[in-house]
Every structure is written in C-alpha cells, then in structure tokens.
Amino acid sequence: MRDRVKALVELIEALDGLRVGRYASADRLERVATELGLRLPYSWEELRGDIEGILALPAASPEYGKLERMDRLATLLLRANLSMLLAAIAAYLLRWFVGGPLLEAVALLALVGALVTVNLAYSLKVYVAVRVGAIYAERAGDLEKLGRRIKATVEYLLRQLRRELVSRGYDLSAFTLKLWMPDYSGVRVVKKPGRLSARYVVRLA
C-alpha cells in the first residue's frame, strides 16, 4: 500500500483544488480514500455528488461549448506536435544513411511545425483555463455551497495527517502543503500566492 502521508496529501490537495474548480478524478480520489480506510465525515456518494456538481458548473455558461471545442483542438495539436517531432527525428537520422538536402528540409520543416503547434496548443489551453476560471468566479456562490462538505472533509483529513506525522516523529514546523484555500482550521499560512505559484503554502498548526 502507498505511503499514508503521501496519500493523505494527495487527497487533501485534490479536494482543496475542487473548491476553486480545479479538475480532479472522483474515481481516483475514491480509490485513495478507500486505501486509507478512514471514516470520512460524509459518505463518498455525497462527496461525489458535490464533486460532479462543481465540475458541471461551467457547462451552464453559453460559451462552454466553444471552450470545449478549443480544448479538443489544443489536444489534437499536441498530438500533431508529437508526430512532427518524431518525423523530424526520423528525417534527421535518415539523412545520415540516405543523404541529400531533401531530408534536411523535411526535418527542419517538421521541427518548425512542431514549435508552432506546441505554442498554439498551450496558448489555447491557457485561454480555456482562464475562461473556465472566470466562469467559476461568476458562480462563486454555487461553488461555495457545493464545497461545504468538501471543506469539512479536508479539515478532517488535515487532522488525520497531523496525527500521522506526530506518530512518525515528523517536525510539523518543517512540513508544508500547497493549498488554493487557506480557510481551514488547523493550518497556518506561511507564504501567500506569488508569481511562481498561485497557491498558499501552509503549515499544520
């Protein structure tokens, strides 16, 4: 079985991210929770309903269909990027055996195409993420309501994490978590979001 501290941290950070609309697989989280064997304050059926409700919030926006299409296009571009990179490598290797300027030109064109597609794909991904974040901001009341049980579950898991660390003799002052929301009982903020990270760094109180 995986290390309990790592499993607790994974579950805490994923559930915390859901409170601000960050995607997480409900099935994976359920598997981690089952492995831990903890008696959560709410049934997993209740938590799954909240998780699915949070993930479904953006679908109510009129622009969500367009954002979905852009995200699918970005995914296709990333796949095309991989194909172009492989083509560039293959053409570059073949030139050593076949020779000729044609293969060099193919390798160069494939490499340029790969650079263009990866930049376009990530630009689209960033745009979609920003717009989805804006939709969640517009639905902040619904997001907060759906996140109440999740918040209580995170606080319960934080207490379990603290017990686990104490039982192992960990120095709590040296153990940190990265959370999107700092409003949990039992944590103390040691670093606010900045340029390099949008999350809070917290310690267990």
Protein backbone atom coordinates (compact mmCIF):
# COMPACT_ATOMS: atom_id res chain seq x y z
CA MET A 1 0.00 0.00 0.00
CA ARG A 2 1.21 3.52 -0.74
CA ASP A 3 2.67 5.73 1.99
CA ARG A 4 -0.18 7.11 4.12
CA VAL A 5 1.31 10.60 4.36
CA LYS A 6 1.62 10.89 0.57
CA ALA A 7 -1.91 9.53 0.11
CA LEU A 8 -3.34 11.98 2.63
CA VAL A 9 -1.53 14.90 1.00
CA GLU A 10 -2.76 13.86 -2.45
CA LEU A 11 -6.35 13.64 -1.21
CA ILE A 12 -6.19 16.93 0.71
CA GLU A 13 -4.67 18.92 -2.15
CA ALA A 14 -7.04 17.46 -4.76
CA LEU A 15 -10.17 18.08 -2.68
CA ASP A 16 -8.95 21.58 -1.86
CA GLY A 17 -8.44 22.27 -5.56
CA LEU A 18 -12.01 21.23 -6.29
CA ARG A 19 -13.23 24.09 -4.10
CA VAL A 20 -11.90 26.53 -6.71
CA GLY A 21 -12.93 24.44 -9.71
CA ARG A 22 -9.67 22.57 -10.34
CA TYR A 23 -10.39 19.26 -12.07
CA ALA A 24 -9.84 16.02 -10.15
CA SER A 25 -10.97 12.48 -10.91
CA ALA A 26 -13.67 11.45 -8.44
CA ASP A 27 -12.88 7.78 -9.12
CA ARG A 28 -9.20 8.23 -8.29
CA LEU A 29 -9.97 10.18 -5.12
CA GLU A 30 -12.38 7.47 -4.02
CA ARG A 31 -9.69 4.82 -4.53
CA VAL A 32 -7.22 6.81 -2.44
CA ALA A 33 -9.82 7.34 0.31
CA THR A 34 -10.64 3.61 0.29
CA GLU A 35 -6.95 2.72 0.58
CA LEU A 36 -6.62 4.97 3.61
CA GLY A 37 -9.55 3.20 5.29
CA LEU A 38 -10.73 6.36 7.07
CA ARG A 39 -14.26 7.08 8.22
CA LEU A 40 -14.92 10.34 6.43
CA PRO A 41 -17.43 12.83 7.86
CA TYR A 42 -19.61 12.33 4.77
CA SER A 43 -20.29 9.32 2.59
CA TRP A 44 -18.41 9.12 -0.67
CA GLU A 45 -21.74 9.22 -2.52
CA GLU A 46 -22.41 12.66 -1.01
CA LEU A 47 -18.90 13.88 -1.83
CA ARG A 48 -19.08 12.50 -5.36
CA GLY A 49 -22.33 14.41 -5.89
CA ASP A 50 -20.64 17.63 -4.77
CA ILE A 51 -17.58 16.94 -6.94
CA GLU A 52 -19.67 16.26 -10.02
CA GLY A 53 -21.77 19.34 -9.28
CA ILE A 54 -18.65 21.51 -9.13
CA LEU A 55 -17.21 20.08 -12.33
CA ALA A 56 -20.55 20.62 -14.09
CA LEU A 57 -20.86 24.31 -13.18
CA PRO A 58 -19.06 25.68 -16.27
CA ALA A 59 -21.40 23.71 -18.57
CA ALA A 60 -24.19 26.20 -17.76
CA SER A 61 -22.25 29.01 -19.46
CA PRO A 62 -23.19 29.86 -23.07
CA GLU A 63 -19.52 29.89 -24.06
CA TYR A 64 -18.72 26.47 -22.60
CA GLY A 65 -19.35 24.66 -25.91
CA LYS A 66 -16.80 26.89 -27.64
CA LEU A 67 -14.30 26.34 -24.84
CA GLU A 68 -14.74 22.57 -25.11
CA ARG A 69 -14.04 22.72 -28.85
CA MET A 70 -10.94 24.84 -28.24
CA ASP A 71 -9.70 22.38 -25.64
CA ARG A 72 -10.21 19.46 -28.03
CA LEU A 73 -8.35 21.38 -30.75
CA ALA A 74 -5.47 22.01 -28.34
CA THR A 75 -5.30 18.29 -27.55
CA LEU A 76 -5.22 17.44 -31.28
CA LEU A 77 -2.46 19.98 -31.81
CA LEU A 78 -0.38 18.40 -29.05
CA ARG A 79 -0.77 15.01 -30.72
CA ALA A 80 0.22 16.55 -34.06
CA ASN A 81 3.21 18.12 -32.32
CA LEU A 82 4.41 14.70 -31.17
CA SER A 83 4.02 13.33 -34.71
CA MET A 84 6.02 16.24 -36.13
CA LEU A 85 8.79 15.78 -33.59
CA LEU A 86 9.03 12.07 -34.46
CA ALA A 87 9.07 12.94 -38.17
CA ALA A 88 11.84 15.48 -37.60
CA ILE A 89 13.93 12.94 -35.67
CA ALA A 90 13.34 10.23 -38.27
CA ALA A 91 14.27 12.55 -41.17
CA TYR A 92 17.38 13.74 -39.33
CA LEU A 93 18.52 10.16 -38.69
CA LEU A 94 17.77 9.03 -42.26
CA ARG A 95 19.93 11.79 -43.72
CA TRP A 96 22.98 10.01 -42.29
CA PHE A 97 22.15 6.92 -44.36
CA VAL A 98 20.49 8.39 -47.45
CA GLY A 99 21.85 11.92 -47.53
CA GLY A 100 20.57 14.78 -49.62
CA PRO A 101 19.14 18.21 -48.85
CA LEU A 102 15.52 16.99 -49.09
CA LEU A 103 15.63 15.12 -45.78
CA GLU A 104 17.29 18.08 -44.12
CA ALA A 105 14.47 20.31 -45.35
CA VAL A 106 11.86 17.80 -44.12
CA ALA A 107 13.49 17.65 -40.70
CA LEU A 108 13.63 21.45 -40.47
CA LEU A 109 10.02 21.93 -41.59
CA ALA A 110 8.78 19.27 -39.18
CA LEU A 111 10.70 20.90 -36.34
CA VAL A 112 9.29 24.35 -37.15
CA GLY A 113 5.79 22.88 -37.39
CA ALA A 114 6.25 21.23 -34.01
CA LEU A 115 7.29 24.51 -32.41
CA VAL A 116 4.31 26.35 -33.91
CA THR A 117 1.76 23.72 -32.90
CA VAL A 118 3.02 23.35 -29.32
CA ASN A 119 2.90 27.10 -28.78
CA LEU A 120 -0.58 27.36 -30.26
CA ALA A 121 -1.80 24.37 -28.24
CA TYR A 122 -0.56 25.73 -24.92
CA SER A 123 -1.93 29.19 -25.73
CA LEU A 124 -5.34 27.64 -26.29
CA LYS A 125 -5.06 25.60 -23.09
CA VAL A 126 -4.17 28.70 -21.09
CA TYR A 127 -7.04 30.68 -22.61
CA VAL A 128 -9.54 27.90 -21.82
CA ALA A 129 -8.26 27.62 -18.24
CA VAL A 130 -8.57 31.39 -17.74
CA ARG A 131 -12.11 31.49 -19.14
CA VAL A 132 -13.23 28.47 -17.09
CA GLY A 133 -11.76 30.18 -14.01
CA ALA A 134 -13.79 33.29 -14.85
CA ILE A 135 -16.96 31.18 -15.13
CA TYR A 136 -16.30 29.69 -11.70
CA ALA A 137 -15.76 33.19 -10.33
CA GLU A 138 -19.17 34.18 -11.68
CA ARG A 139 -20.69 31.14 -9.95
CA ALA A 140 -18.84 31.71 -6.67
CA GLY A 141 -21.99 31.28 -4.56
CA ASP A 142 -22.79 27.89 -6.07
CA LEU A 143 -19.14 26.87 -5.82
CA GLU A 144 -19.03 27.76 -2.12
CA LYS A 145 -22.26 25.88 -1.41
CA LEU A 146 -21.10 22.74 -3.20
CA GLY A 147 -17.74 22.95 -1.43
CA ARG A 148 -19.01 22.96 2.17
CA ARG A 149 -18.85 19.22 2.70
CA ILE A 150 -15.57 19.06 0.82
CA LYS A 151 -14.11 21.72 3.14
CA ALA A 152 -15.21 19.78 6.23
CA THR A 153 -13.65 16.62 4.75
CA VAL A 154 -10.37 18.41 4.10
CA GLU A 155 -10.29 19.64 7.70
CA TYR A 156 -10.87 16.07 8.88
CA LEU A 157 -8.05 14.81 6.63
CA LEU A 158 -5.74 17.55 7.91
CA ARG A 159 -6.30 16.29 11.45
CA GLN A 160 -5.54 12.75 10.30
CA LEU A 161 -2.39 13.96 8.57
CA ARG A 162 -1.25 15.73 11.72
CA ARG A 163 -1.76 12.55 13.79
CA GLU A 164 0.14 10.51 11.22
CA LEU A 165 3.08 12.93 11.20
CA VAL A 166 3.22 13.13 15.01
CA SER A 167 3.16 9.34 15.29
CA ARG A 168 6.17 9.18 12.95
CA GLY A 169 8.06 11.87 14.83
CA TYR A 170 7.95 14.43 12.00
CA ASP A 171 8.78 18.05 12.74
CA LEU A 172 5.45 19.74 11.97
CA SER A 173 7.13 23.11 11.50
CA ALA A 174 9.09 21.69 8.55
CA PHE A 175 6.10 20.09 6.82
CA THR A 176 4.19 22.22 4.31
CA LEU A 177 1.22 21.85 1.99
CA LYS A 178 0.20 23.87 -1.06
CA LEU A 179 -3.49 24.80 -0.93
CA TRP A 180 -5.76 27.01 -3.01
CA MET A 181 -7.90 27.92 0.00
CA PRO A 182 -6.34 28.92 3.35
CA ASP A 183 -9.58 28.94 5.37
CA TYR A 184 -9.19 25.57 7.09
CA SER A 185 -8.93 25.21 10.84
CA GLY A 186 -5.62 23.69 11.86
CA VAL A 187 -3.42 25.38 9.26
CA ARG A 188 -1.26 28.49 9.28
CA VAL A 189 -0.28 30.41 6.14
CA VAL A 190 3.49 30.80 5.74
CA LYS A 191 3.56 32.06 2.16
CA LYS A 192 0.89 33.77 0.06
CA PRO A 193 0.43 33.22 -3.68
CA GLY A 194 3.01 34.93 -5.86
CA ARG A 195 4.41 34.95 -9.38
CA LEU A 196 5.69 31.39 -9.24
CA SER A 197 2.71 29.78 -7.53
CA ALA A 198 -1.00 30.61 -7.30
CA ARG A 199 -1.43 28.55 -4.14
CA TYR A 200 -0.84 29.25 -0.45
CA VAL A 201 1.93 27.45 1.38
CA VAL A 202 0.62 26.36 4.79
CA ARG A 203 1.84 24.52 7.84
CA LEU A 204 -0.17 22.39 10.21
CA ALA A 205 -0.93 24.31 13.40
